[in-house]
């Protein structure tokens, strides 16, 4: 894992959830999308979970508390 889970701004199809998961776990986002689609077709409630994930997972660049993430890098500095 290279960082905290964020929705991707650069590799997104709908809201960037699968792109963010792929970037976080160093997996090709296309593979994450294929797995998600396969689970949806097998009766998995992936559509509902995708909507919940897109609301809960912050996007890159969103400010949470005092931490801001821009282009996958923390903008906070220790002084």
Protein backbone atom coordinates (compact mmCIF):
# COMPACT_ATOMS: atom_id res chain seq x y z
CA UNK A 1 0.00 0.00 0.00
CA UNK A 2 1.36 3.35 -0.93
CA UNK A 3 -1.03 5.75 0.84
CA UNK A 4 -4.46 6.31 2.33
CA UNK A 5 -7.55 5.28 0.42
CA UNK A 6 -8.85 8.15 -1.74
CA UNK A 7 -11.09 8.35 -4.80
CA UNK A 8 -8.96 8.92 -7.87
CA UNK A 9 -9.23 12.18 -9.78
CA UNK A 10 -7.12 10.96 -12.69
CA UNK A 11 -8.23 7.34 -13.19
CA UNK A 12 -11.99 7.38 -12.86
CA UNK A 13 -14.94 6.20 -14.87
CA UNK A 14 -17.83 7.22 -12.60
CA UNK A 15 -16.60 8.61 -9.28
CA UNK A 16 -13.08 7.15 -8.99
CA UNK A 17 -13.73 4.49 -6.34
CA UNK A 18 -12.21 1.58 -8.28
CA UNK A 19 -9.36 3.80 -9.51
CA UNK A 20 -8.60 4.84 -5.94
CA UNK A 21 -8.67 1.25 -4.70
CA UNK A 22 -6.33 0.24 -7.52
CA UNK A 23 -3.90 3.09 -6.82
CA UNK A 24 -3.91 2.42 -3.07
CA UNK A 25 -3.18 -1.32 -3.39
CA UNK A 26 -0.95 -1.02 -6.50
CA UNK A 27 -3.40 -2.99 -8.65
CA UNK A 28 -4.50 -2.08 -12.16
CA UNK A 29 -7.86 -0.28 -11.72
CA UNK A 30 -9.26 -2.22 -14.70
CA UNK A 31 -8.83 -5.43 -12.70
CA UNK A 32 -10.62 -3.87 -9.73
CA UNK A 33 -13.47 -2.82 -12.05
CA UNK A 34 -13.72 -6.31 -13.56
CA UNK A 35 -13.84 -7.94 -10.13
CA UNK A 36 -16.45 -5.43 -8.97
CA UNK A 37 -18.59 -6.06 -12.08
CA UNK A 38 -18.30 -9.84 -11.71
CA UNK A 39 -19.40 -9.64 -8.08
CA UNK A 40 -22.36 -7.44 -9.08
CA UNK A 41 -23.45 -9.99 -11.69
CA UNK A 42 -23.25 -12.84 -9.16
CA UNK A 43 -25.76 -11.19 -6.84
CA UNK A 44 -23.34 -9.12 -4.78
CA UNK A 45 -24.87 -5.76 -3.85
CA UNK A 46 -21.95 -3.90 -5.42
CA UNK A 47 -24.02 -1.04 -6.78
CA UNK A 48 -25.19 -0.08 -3.29
CA UNK A 49 -21.68 -0.48 -1.88
CA UNK A 50 -20.23 1.60 -4.74
CA UNK A 51 -22.62 4.45 -3.95
CA UNK A 52 -21.77 4.22 -0.24
CA UNK A 53 -18.04 4.11 -1.03
CA UNK A 54 -18.28 7.15 -3.29
CA UNK A 55 -19.87 9.09 -0.44
CA UNK A 56 -17.55 7.85 2.33
CA UNK A 57 -14.16 7.77 0.56
CA UNK A 58 -12.76 11.29 0.11
CA UNK A 59 -11.43 12.39 -3.25
CA UNK A 60 -7.83 13.37 -3.85
CA UNK A 61 -7.44 17.02 -2.97
CA UNK A 62 -10.22 17.01 -0.37
CA UNK A 63 -9.30 18.58 2.96
CA UNK A 64 -9.91 16.38 5.99
CA UNK A 65 -9.14 18.13 9.25
CA UNK A 66 -5.81 19.80 8.62
CA UNK A 67 -4.58 17.24 6.10
CA UNK A 68 -4.84 17.97 2.38
CA UNK A 69 -3.99 15.43 -0.27
CA UNK A 70 -3.02 16.74 -3.69
CA UNK A 71 -1.93 14.35 -6.44
CA UNK A 72 -1.47 11.55 -3.90
CA UNK A 73 0.99 13.39 -1.68
CA UNK A 74 0.39 14.72 1.80
CA UNK A 75 0.62 18.50 1.91
CA UNK A 76 1.23 18.64 5.66
CA UNK A 77 4.71 19.36 6.98
CA UNK A 78 6.22 18.78 10.40
CA UNK A 79 7.94 21.83 11.82
